[in-house]
PDB file of N, CA and C in Angstrom:
ATOM      1  N   MET A   1       0.844  -1.220   0.026  1.00  0.00           N
ATOM      2  CA  MET A   1      -0.021  -0.034  -0.063  1.00  0.00           C
ATOM      3  C   MET A   1       0.738   1.276  -0.090  1.00  0.00           C
ATOM      4  N   GLN A   2       0.669   2.187  -0.757  1.00  0.00           N
ATOM      5  CA  GLN A   2       1.337   3.140  -1.242  1.00  0.00           C
ATOM      6  C   GLN A   2       1.037   4.488   0.024  1.00  0.00           C
ATOM      7  N   SER A   3       1.864   5.192   0.433  1.00  0.00           N
ATOM      8  CA  SER A   3       1.453   6.281   1.573  1.00  0.00           C
ATOM      9  C   SER A   3       0.605   7.289   1.458  1.00  0.00           C
ATOM     10  N   ASN A   4       0.162   7.385  -0.133  1.00  0.00           N
ATOM     11  CA  ASN A   4      -0.844   8.637  -0.372  1.00  0.00           C
ATOM     12  C   ASN A   4      -2.324   7.549  -0.346  1.00  0.00           C
ATOM     13  N   GLU A   5      -2.151   6.269  -0.367  1.00  0.00           N
ATOM     14  CA  GLU A   5      -3.501   5.631  -0.575  1.00  0.00           C
ATOM     15  C   GLU A   5      -3.608   5.547   1.287  1.00  0.00           C
ATOM     16  N   VAL A   6      -2.583   5.195   1.959  1.00  0.00           N
ATOM     17  CA  VAL A   6      -2.748   4.986   3.260  1.00  0.00           C
ATOM     18  C   VAL A   6      -3.286   6.432   3.820  1.00  0.00           C
ATOM     19  N   GLN A   7      -2.869   7.284   3.351  1.00  0.00           N
ATOM     20  CA  GLN A   7      -3.384   8.739   3.741  1.00  0.00           C
ATOM     21  C   GLN A   7      -4.846   8.784   3.216  1.00  0.00           C
ATOM     22  N   ASP A   8      -5.177   8.389   2.179  1.00  0.00           N
ATOM     23  CA  ASP A   8      -6.342   8.494   1.539  1.00  0.00           C
ATOM     24  C   ASP A   8      -7.501   7.861   2.191  1.00  0.00           C
ATOM     25  N   LEU A   9      -6.982   6.507   2.708  1.00  0.00           N
ATOM     26  CA  LEU A   9      -7.807   5.793   3.513  1.00  0.00           C
ATOM     27  C   LEU A   9      -8.020   6.478   4.999  1.00  0.00           C
ATOM     28  N   ALA A  10      -7.092   6.833   5.521  1.00  0.00           N
ATOM     29  CA  ALA A  10      -7.573   7.313   6.712  1.00  0.00           C
ATOM     30  C   ALA A  10      -8.436   8.647   6.873  1.00  0.00           C
ATOM     31  N   GLN A  11      -7.843   9.364   5.722  1.00  0.00           N
ATOM     32  CA  GLN A  11      -9.164  10.602   5.835  1.00  0.00           C
ATOM     33  C   GLN A  11     -10.553  10.160   5.525  1.00  0.00           C
ATOM     34  N   ILE A  12     -10.687   9.177   4.627  1.00  0.00           N
ATOM     35  CA  ILE A  12     -12.166   8.719   4.338  1.00  0.00           C
ATOM     36  C   ILE A  12     -12.680   8.104   5.884  1.00  0.00           C
ATOM     37  N   LYS A  13     -12.076   7.200   6.113  1.00  0.00           N
ATOM     38  CA  LYS A  13     -12.449   6.607   7.662  1.00  0.00           C
ATOM     39  C   LYS A  13     -12.746   7.658   8.462  1.00  0.00           C
ATOM     40  N   LYS A  14     -11.985   8.803   8.615  1.00  0.00           N
ATOM     41  CA  LYS A  14     -12.355  10.162   9.873  1.00  0.00           C
ATOM     42  C   LYS A  14     -13.348  10.617   9.316  1.00  0.00           C
ATOM     43  N   THR A  15     -13.762  10.827   8.192  1.00  0.00           N
ATOM     44  CA  THR A  15     -14.894  11.511   7.519  1.00  0.00           C
ATOM     45  C   THR A  15     -16.338  10.677   7.705  1.00  0.00           C
ATOM     46  N   LEU A  16     -16.191   9.251   7.237  1.00  0.00           N
ATOM     47  CA  LEU A  16     -17.150   8.523   7.616  1.00  0.00           C
ATOM     48  C   LEU A  16     -17.654   8.382   9.296  1.00  0.00           C
ATOM     49  N   LYS A  17     -16.696   8.243   9.825  1.00  0.00           N
ATOM     50  CA  LYS A  17     -16.884   8.215  11.486  1.00  0.00           C
ATOM     51  C   LYS A  17     -17.519   9.604  11.542  1.00  0.00           C
ATOM     52  N   GLU A  18     -17.188  10.589  11.142  1.00  0.00           N
ATOM     53  CA  GLU A  18     -17.913  11.969  11.333  1.00  0.00           C
ATOM     54  C   GLU A  18     -19.296  11.945  10.832  1.00  0.00           C
ATOM     55  N   LEU A  19     -19.372  11.536   9.755  1.00  0.00           N
ATOM     56  CA  LEU A  19     -21.197  11.441   9.025  1.00  0.00           C
ATOM     57  C   LEU A  19     -21.738  10.545   9.688  1.00  0.00           C
ATOM     58  N   LEU A  20     -21.201   9.391  10.374  1.00  0.00           N
ATOM     59  CA  LEU A  20     -22.127   8.520  10.853  1.00  0.00           C
ATOM     60  C   LEU A  20     -22.734   8.962  12.180  1.00  0.00           C
ATOM     61  N   VAL A  21     -21.818   9.327  12.906  1.00  0.00           N
ATOM     62  CA  VAL A  21     -22.210   9.935  14.093  1.00  0.00           C
ATOM     63  C   VAL A  21     -23.047  11.474  13.763  1.00  0.00           C
ATOM     64  N   ALA A  22     -22.762  12.321  12.917  1.00  0.00           N
ATOM     65  CA  ALA A  22     -23.689  13.143  12.423  1.00  0.00           C
ATOM     66  C   ALA A  22     -25.214  13.086  12.102  1.00  0.00           C
ATOM     67  N   ASP A  23     -25.005  12.252  11.156  1.00  0.00           N
ATOM     68  CA  ASP A  23     -26.197  11.989  10.437  1.00  0.00           C
ATOM     69  C   ASP A  23     -27.259  10.771  10.795  1.00  0.00           C
ATOM     70  N   LEU A  24     -26.492   9.926  11.568  1.00  0.00           N
ATOM     71  CA  LEU A  24     -27.303   8.695  11.866  1.00  0.00           C
ATOM     72  C   LEU A  24     -27.770   9.400  13.534  1.00  0.00           C
ATOM     73  N   SER A  25     -27.582  10.242  13.991  1.00  0.00           N
ATOM     74  CA  SER A  25     -27.727  10.762  15.406  1.00  0.00           C
ATOM     75  C   SER A  25     -27.267   9.826  16.365  1.00  0.00           C
ATOM     76  N   LEU A  26     -26.212   9.085  16.335  1.00  0.00           N
ATOM     77  CA  LEU A  26     -25.420   8.858  17.229  1.00  0.00           C
ATOM     78  C   LEU A  26     -24.848   9.356  18.641  1.00  0.00           C
ATOM     79  N   GLU A  27     -25.669   9.773  19.140  1.00  0.00           N
ATOM     80  CA  GLU A  27     -25.670  10.787  20.524  1.00  0.00           C
ATOM     81  C   GLU A  27     -24.541  10.374  21.488  1.00  0.00           C
ATOM     82  N   ASP A  28     -24.375   8.967  21.896  1.00  0.00           N
ATOM     83  CA  ASP A  28     -23.613   8.786  22.802  1.00  0.00           C
ATOM     84  C   ASP A  28     -22.002   8.056  22.308  1.00  0.00           C
ATOM     85  N   ILE A  29     -22.121   8.364  20.996  1.00  0.00           N
ATOM     86  CA  ILE A  29     -20.888   8.004  20.454  1.00  0.00           C
ATOM     87  C   ILE A  29     -19.998   9.058  19.843  1.00  0.00           C
ATOM     88  N   LYS A  30     -18.642   9.240  20.000  1.00  0.00           N
ATOM     89  CA  LYS A  30     -17.637  10.003  19.444  1.00  0.00           C
ATOM     90  C   LYS A  30     -17.151   9.322  18.289  1.00  0.00           C
ATOM     91  N   PRO A  31     -17.209   9.941  17.093  1.00  0.00           N
ATOM     92  CA  PRO A  31     -16.462   9.706  16.002  1.00  0.00           C
ATOM     93  C   PRO A  31     -15.041   8.614  16.333  1.00  0.00           C
ATOM     94  N   GLU A  32     -14.290   9.427  16.993  1.00  0.00           N
ATOM     95  CA  GLU A  32     -12.793   8.438  17.416  1.00  0.00           C
ATOM     96  C   GLU A  32     -13.193   7.293  18.247  1.00  0.00           C
ATOM     97  N   GLU A  33     -14.342   7.255  18.691  1.00  0.00           N
ATOM     98  CA  GLU A  33     -14.664   5.872  19.634  1.00  0.00           C
ATOM     99  C   GLU A  33     -14.688   4.727  18.455  1.00  0.00           C
ATOM    100  N   ILE A  34     -15.128   5.052  17.203  1.00  0.00           N
ATOM    101  CA  ILE A  34     -15.516   3.828  16.691  1.00  0.00           C
ATOM    102  C   ILE A  34     -14.254   3.586  15.784  1.00  0.00           C
ATOM    103  N   ARG A  35     -14.058   1.908  16.286  1.00  0.00           N
ATOM    104  CA  ARG A  35     -12.951   1.517  15.881  1.00  0.00           C
ATOM    105  C   ARG A  35     -13.299   0.759  14.047  1.00  0.00           C
ATOM    106  N   ASP A  36     -12.072   1.016  13.316  1.00  0.00           N
ATOM    107  CA  ASP A  36     -12.046   1.082  12.101  1.00  0.00           C
ATOM    108  C   ASP A  36     -12.735  -0.630  11.590  1.00  0.00           C
ATOM    109  N   ASP A  37     -12.646  -1.703  12.480  1.00  0.00           N
ATOM    110  CA  ASP A  37     -12.806  -3.370  12.128  1.00  0.00           C
ATOM    111  C   ASP A  37     -14.040  -3.364  12.866  1.00  0.00           C
ATOM    112  N   GLU A  38     -14.706  -2.443  13.509  1.00  0.00           N
ATOM    113  CA  GLU A  38     -15.857  -2.866  14.394  1.00  0.00           C
ATOM    114  C   GLU A  38     -17.235  -3.149  13.571  1.00  0.00           C
ATOM    115  N   VAL A  39     -17.848  -4.089  13.750  1.00  0.00           N
ATOM    116  CA  VAL A  39     -19.068  -4.593  12.881  1.00  0.00           C
ATOM    117  C   VAL A  39     -20.281  -3.540  12.821  1.00  0.00           C
ATOM    118  N   LEU A  40     -20.457  -2.862  11.695  1.00  0.00           N
ATOM    119  CA  LEU A  40     -21.223  -1.475  11.922  1.00  0.00           C
ATOM    120  C   LEU A  40     -22.822  -2.432  12.367  1.00  0.00           C
ATOM    121  N   PHE A  41     -23.431  -3.402  11.832  1.00  0.00           N
ATOM    122  CA  PHE A  41     -24.895  -3.774  12.141  1.00  0.00           C
ATOM    123  C   PHE A  41     -24.798  -4.898  13.225  1.00  0.00           C
ATOM    124  N   GLY A  42     -26.102  -4.994  13.919  1.00  0.00           N
ATOM    125  CA  GLY A  42     -26.092  -5.908  14.867  1.00  0.00           C
ATOM    126  C   GLY A  42     -25.514  -5.753  16.138  1.00  0.00           C
ATOM    127  N   GLU A  43     -24.970  -6.630  16.606  1.00  0.00           N
ATOM    128  CA  GLU A  43     -23.886  -6.808  17.979  1.00  0.00           C
ATOM    129  C   GLU A  43     -22.976  -5.953  18.075  1.00  0.00           C
ATOM    130  N   GLY A  44     -22.310  -5.177  16.806  1.00  0.00           N
ATOM    131  CA  GLY A  44     -21.676  -4.299  16.693  1.00  0.00           C
ATOM    132  C   GLY A  44     -21.838  -2.916  17.194  1.00  0.00           C
ATOM    133  N   LEU A  45     -21.954  -1.657  16.281  1.00  0.00           N
ATOM    134  CA  LEU A  45     -22.273  -0.853  16.681  1.00  0.00           C
ATOM    135  C   LEU A  45     -23.901  -0.582  16.409  1.00  0.00           C
ATOM    136  N   GLY A  46     -24.588  -1.546  15.984  1.00  0.00           N
ATOM    137  CA  GLY A  46     -25.953  -1.398  16.459  1.00  0.00           C
ATOM    138  C   GLY A  46     -26.760  -1.233  15.563  1.00  0.00           C
ATOM    139  N   LEU A  47     -26.357  -0.311  14.500  1.00  0.00           N
ATOM    140  CA  LEU A  47     -27.071   0.052  13.390  1.00  0.00           C
ATOM    141  C   LEU A  47     -28.128  -0.959  12.648  1.00  0.00           C
ATOM    142  N   ASP A  48     -29.269  -0.466  12.149  1.00  0.00           N
ATOM    143  CA  ASP A  48     -30.329  -1.362  11.578  1.00  0.00           C
ATOM    144  C   ASP A  48     -30.630  -1.048  10.085  1.00  0.00           C
ATOM    145  N   SER A  49     -31.066  -1.537   9.698  1.00  0.00           N
ATOM    146  CA  SER A  49     -31.680  -1.341   7.965  1.00  0.00           C
ATOM    147  C   SER A  49     -32.005   0.036   7.861  1.00  0.00           C
ATOM    148  N   LEU A  50     -32.409   0.844   8.382  1.00  0.00           N
ATOM    149  CA  LEU A  50     -32.962   2.390   8.018  1.00  0.00           C
ATOM    150  C   LEU A  50     -31.339   3.146   8.248  1.00  0.00           C
ATOM    151  N   ASP A  51     -30.645   2.623   9.087  1.00  0.00           N
ATOM    152  CA  ASP A  51     -29.124   3.279   9.136  1.00  0.00           C
ATOM    153  C   ASP A  51     -28.439   2.874   7.631  1.00  0.00           C
ATOM    154  N   ALA A  52     -28.633   1.660   7.396  1.00  0.00           N
ATOM    155  CA  ALA A  52     -28.024   1.310   6.026  1.00  0.00           C
ATOM    156  C   ALA A  52     -28.451   2.128   4.845  1.00  0.00           C
ATOM    157  N   VAL A  53     -29.683   2.374   4.655  1.00  0.00           N
ATOM    158  CA  VAL A  53     -30.362   3.541   3.610  1.00  0.00           C
ATOM    159  C   VAL A  53     -29.826   4.650   3.934  1.00  0.00           C
ATOM    160  N   GLU A  54     -29.587   5.055   4.955  1.00  0.00           N
ATOM    161  CA  GLU A  54     -28.781   6.415   5.219  1.00  0.00           C
ATOM    162  C   GLU A  54     -27.530   6.510   4.771  1.00  0.00           C
ATOM    163  N   ILE A  55     -26.946   5.456   4.887  1.00  0.00           N
ATOM    164  CA  ILE A  55     -25.084   5.311   4.785  1.00  0.00           C
ATOM    165  C   ILE A  55     -25.077   5.261   2.855  1.00  0.00           C
ATOM    166  N   VAL A  56     -26.491   4.719   2.328  1.00  0.00           N
ATOM    167  CA  VAL A  56     -26.241   4.952   1.116  1.00  0.00           C
ATOM    168  C   VAL A  56     -26.563   6.436   0.537  1.00  0.00           C
ATOM    169  N   VAL A  57     -27.120   6.855   1.283  1.00  0.00           N
ATOM    170  CA  VAL A  57     -27.532   8.517   0.837  1.00  0.00           C
ATOM    171  C   VAL A  57     -26.119   9.279   0.965  1.00  0.00           C
ATOM    172  N   ILE A  58     -25.663   8.853   2.224  1.00  0.00           N
ATOM    173  CA  ILE A  58     -24.462   9.541   2.707  1.00  0.00           C
ATOM    174  C   ILE A  58     -23.339   9.092   1.300  1.00  0.00           C
ATOM    175  N   LEU A  59     -23.019   7.931   1.098  1.00  0.00           N
ATOM    176  CA  LEU A  59     -22.160   7.498   0.200  1.00  0.00           C
ATOM    177  C   LEU A  59     -22.357   8.079  -1.266  1.00  0.00           C
ATOM    178  N   GLN A  60     -23.584   8.591  -1.914  1.00  0.00           N
ATOM    179  CA  GLN A  60     -24.154   9.208  -2.853  1.00  0.00           C
ATOM    180  C   GLN A  60     -23.740  11.062  -2.796  1.00  0.00           C
ATOM    181  N   ARG A  61     -24.058  11.125  -1.597  1.00  0.00           N
ATOM    182  CA  ARG A  61     -24.074  12.819  -1.519  1.00  0.00           C
ATOM    183  C   ARG A  61     -22.831  13.110  -0.893  1.00  0.00           C
ATOM    184  N   LYS A  62     -21.841  12.534  -0.207  1.00  0.00           N
ATOM    185  CA  LYS A  62     -20.651  13.162   0.025  1.00  0.00           C
ATOM    186  C   LYS A  62     -19.493  12.565  -0.632  1.00  0.00           C
ATOM    187  N   PHE A  63     -19.486  11.379  -1.144  1.00  0.00           N
ATOM    188  CA  PHE A  63     -18.515  10.450  -1.913  1.00  0.00           C
ATOM    189  C   PHE A  63     -19.041  10.607  -3.712  1.00  0.00           C
ATOM    190  N   GLY A  64     -20.264  10.867  -4.028  1.00  0.00           N
ATOM    191  CA  GLY A  64     -20.683  10.598  -5.358  1.00  0.00           C
ATOM    192  C   GLY A  64     -20.620   9.498  -5.819  1.00  0.00           C
ATOM    193  N   LEU A  65     -21.193   8.021  -4.944  1.00  0.00           N
ATOM    194  CA  LEU A  65     -21.213   6.871  -5.471  1.00  0.00           C
ATOM    195  C   LEU A  65     -22.387   6.588  -5.374  1.00  0.00           C
ATOM    196  N   GLU A  66     -22.480   5.460  -6.086  1.00  0.00           N
ATOM    197  CA  GLU A  66     -24.021   4.941  -6.081  1.00  0.00           C
ATOM    198  C   GLU A  66     -23.769   3.148  -5.549  1.00  0.00           C
ATOM    199  N   VAL A  67     -24.481   2.969  -4.800  1.00  0.00           N
ATOM    200  CA  VAL A  67     -24.452   1.526  -4.327  1.00  0.00           C
ATOM    201  C   VAL A  67     -25.648   0.886  -4.522  1.00  0.00           C
ATOM    202  N   ARG A  68     -25.665   0.116  -6.031  1.00  0.00           N
ATOM    203  CA  ARG A  68     -26.220  -0.894  -6.306  1.00  0.00           C
ATOM    204  C   ARG A  68     -26.463  -1.685  -5.735  1.00  0.00           C
ATOM    205  N   ASP A  69     -27.788  -2.544  -5.705  1.00  0.00           N
ATOM    206  CA  ASP A  69     -28.014  -3.958  -5.027  1.00  0.00           C
ATOM    207  C   ASP A  69     -27.520  -4.186  -3.805  1.00  0.00           C
ATOM    208  N   LEU A  70     -27.993  -3.233  -2.872  1.00  0.00           N
ATOM    209  CA  LEU A  70     -27.780  -3.459  -1.590  1.00  0.00           C
ATOM    210  C   LEU A  70     -27.589  -4.695  -0.918  1.00  0.00           C
ATOM    211  N   GLU A  71     -28.623  -5.606  -1.392  1.00  0.00           N
ATOM    212  CA  GLU A  71     -28.843  -6.796  -0.626  1.00  0.00           C
ATOM    213  C   GLU A  71     -27.352  -7.486  -0.634  1.00  0.00           C
ATOM    214  N   ASN A  72     -27.049  -7.316  -1.635  1.00  0.00           N
ATOM    215  CA  ASN A  72     -25.873  -8.133  -2.325  1.00  0.00           C
ATOM    216  C   ASN A  72     -24.316  -7.513  -2.069  1.00  0.00           C
ATOM    217  N   ARG A  73     -24.642  -6.241  -1.250  1.00  0.00           N
ATOM    218  CA  ARG A  73     -23.309  -5.569  -1.051  1.00  0.00           C
ATOM    219  C   ARG A  73     -22.973  -5.586   0.349  1.00  0.00           C
ATOM    220  N   LYS A  74     -23.562  -6.521   1.255  1.00  0.00           N
ATOM    221  CA  LYS A  74     -23.435  -6.420   2.758  1.00  0.00           C
ATOM    222  C   LYS A  74     -22.192  -6.287   3.165  1.00  0.00           C
ATOM    223  N   ASP A  75     -20.998  -7.043   2.541  1.00  0.00           N
ATOM    224  CA  ASP A  75     -19.673  -6.728   2.435  1.00  0.00           C
ATOM    225  C   ASP A  75     -19.219  -5.468   2.817  1.00  0.00           C
ATOM    226  N   VAL A  76     -19.636  -4.595   1.824  1.00  0.00           N
ATOM    227  CA  VAL A  76     -19.260  -3.088   1.784  1.00  0.00           C
ATOM    228  C   VAL A  76     -19.725  -2.520   3.040  1.00  0.00           C
ATOM    229  N   PHE A  77     -20.719  -2.640   3.450  1.00  0.00           N
ATOM    230  CA  PHE A  77     -21.267  -2.062   4.806  1.00  0.00           C
ATOM    231  C   PHE A  77     -20.825  -3.126   5.952  1.00  0.00           C
ATOM    232  N   TYR A  78     -19.767  -3.415   6.347  1.00  0.00           N
ATOM    233  CA  TYR A  78     -19.521  -4.424   7.260  1.00  0.00           C
ATOM    234  C   TYR A  78     -18.823  -4.135   8.349  1.00  0.00           C
ATOM    235  N   SER A  79     -18.039  -2.838   7.813  1.00  0.00           N
ATOM    236  CA  SER A  79     -17.423  -1.951   8.935  1.00  0.00           C
ATOM    237  C   SER A  79     -16.460  -0.586   8.359  1.00  0.00           C
ATOM    238  N   ILE A  80     -16.306   0.175   8.942  1.00  0.00           N
ATOM    239  CA  ILE A  80     -15.512   1.195   8.464  1.00  0.00           C
ATOM    240  C   ILE A  80     -14.434   0.976   7.486  1.00  0.00           C
ATOM    241  N   ASP A  81     -13.798  -0.304   7.718  1.00  0.00           N
ATOM    242  CA  ASP A  81     -12.601  -0.206   7.098  1.00  0.00           C
ATOM    243  C   ASP A  81     -13.174  -0.838   5.357  1.00  0.00           C
ATOM    244  N   SER A  82     -14.179  -1.570   5.448  1.00  0.00           N
ATOM    245  CA  SER A  82     -14.758  -1.904   4.697  1.00  0.00           C
ATOM    246  C   SER A  82     -15.449  -0.785   3.403  1.00  0.00           C
ATOM    247  N   LEU A  83     -16.502  -0.034   4.234  1.00  0.00           N
ATOM    248  CA  LEU A  83     -16.516   1.054   3.252  1.00  0.00           C
ATOM    249  C   LEU A  83     -15.560   2.010   2.766  1.00  0.00           C
ATOM    250  N   ALA A  84     -14.854   2.098   3.739  1.00  0.00           N
ATOM    251  CA  ALA A  84     -13.567   3.161   3.502  1.00  0.00           C
ATOM    252  C   ALA A  84     -12.812   2.277   1.867  1.00  0.00           C
ATOM    253  N   LYS A  85     -12.599   1.422   2.067  1.00  0.00           N
ATOM    254  CA  LYS A  85     -11.894   0.681   1.035  1.00  0.00           C
ATOM    255  C   LYS A  85     -12.949   0.659  -0.369  1.00  0.00           C
ATOM    256  N   TYR A  86     -14.474   0.371   0.129  1.00  0.00           N
ATOM    257  CA  TYR A  86     -14.977   0.606  -1.321  1.00  0.00           C
ATOM    258  C   TYR A  86     -15.202   1.635  -1.789  1.00  0.00           C
ATOM    259  N   ILE A  87     -14.853   2.830  -1.223  1.00  0.00           N
ATOM    260  CA  ILE A  87     -15.202   4.313  -1.397  1.00  0.00           C
ATOM    261  C   ILE A  87     -13.971   4.754  -2.132  1.00  0.00           C
ATOM    262  N   TYR A  88     -12.614   4.375  -1.756  1.00  0.00           N
ATOM    263  CA  TYR A  88     -11.024   4.306  -2.261  1.00  0.00           C
ATOM    264  C   TYR A  88     -11.056   3.874  -3.575  1.00  0.00           C
ATOM    265  N   GLU A  89     -11.723   2.776  -3.750  1.00  0.00           N
ATOM    266  CA  GLU A  89     -11.647   1.987  -4.707  1.00  0.00           C
ATOM    267  C   GLU A  89     -12.590   2.662  -6.091  1.00  0.00           C
ATOM    268  N   ASN A  90     -13.588   2.247  -5.744  1.00  0.00           N
ATOM    269  CA  ASN A  90     -14.751   3.168  -6.566  1.00  0.00           C
ATOM    270  C   ASN A  90     -14.483   4.635  -6.900  1.00  0.00           C
ATOM    271  N   ARG A  91     -14.223   5.702  -6.067  1.00  0.00           N
ATOM    272  CA  ARG A  91     -13.851   6.824  -6.279  1.00  0.00           C
ATOM    273  C   ARG A  91     -12.892   7.116  -7.207  1.00  0.00           C
ATOM    274  N   LYS A  92     -11.806   6.108  -7.234  1.00  0.00           N
ATOM    275  CA  LYS A  92     -10.786   6.519  -7.988  1.00  0.00           C
ATOM    276  C   LYS A  92     -10.876   6.194  -9.350  1.00  0.00           C
ATOM    277  N   LYS A  93     -11.932   5.057  -9.663  1.00  0.00           N
ATOM    278  CA  LYS A  93     -12.228   4.642 -10.824  1.00  0.00           C
ATOM    279  C   LYS A  93     -12.715   6.077 -11.351  1.00  0.00           C
ATOM    280  N   VAL A  94     -13.798   6.692 -11.148  1.00  0.00           N
ATOM    281  CA  VAL A  94     -14.558   7.817 -11.361  1.00  0.00           C
ATOM    282  C   VAL A  94     -13.629   8.822 -11.563  1.00  0.00           C
ATOM    283  N   SER A  95     -12.357   9.214 -10.855  1.00  0.00           N
ATOM    284  CA  SER A  95     -11.272  10.262 -11.169  1.00  0.00           C
ATOM    285  C   SER A  95     -10.892  10.249 -12.337  1.00  0.00           C
TER     286      SER A  95
END
């Protein structure tokens, strides 16, 4: 992994955490408390299907990405790490 890729991924993760806390009204959690590898749904961070829809909106609005076929892309929504990797790889193709 090149150093600018590491920096880009770190910035994407930071932004994602800030957006999740703000847009999903996670009042009891600070962005820096969310681990990069923490499971986002269920027993992890505790997000639900409505939150998944909001994450899709965040990806579209903030990162210019379109997530198609949400049901078959659960791997993308697993953690901050998986979301950041998806954003990095797909944003890079568009640029």
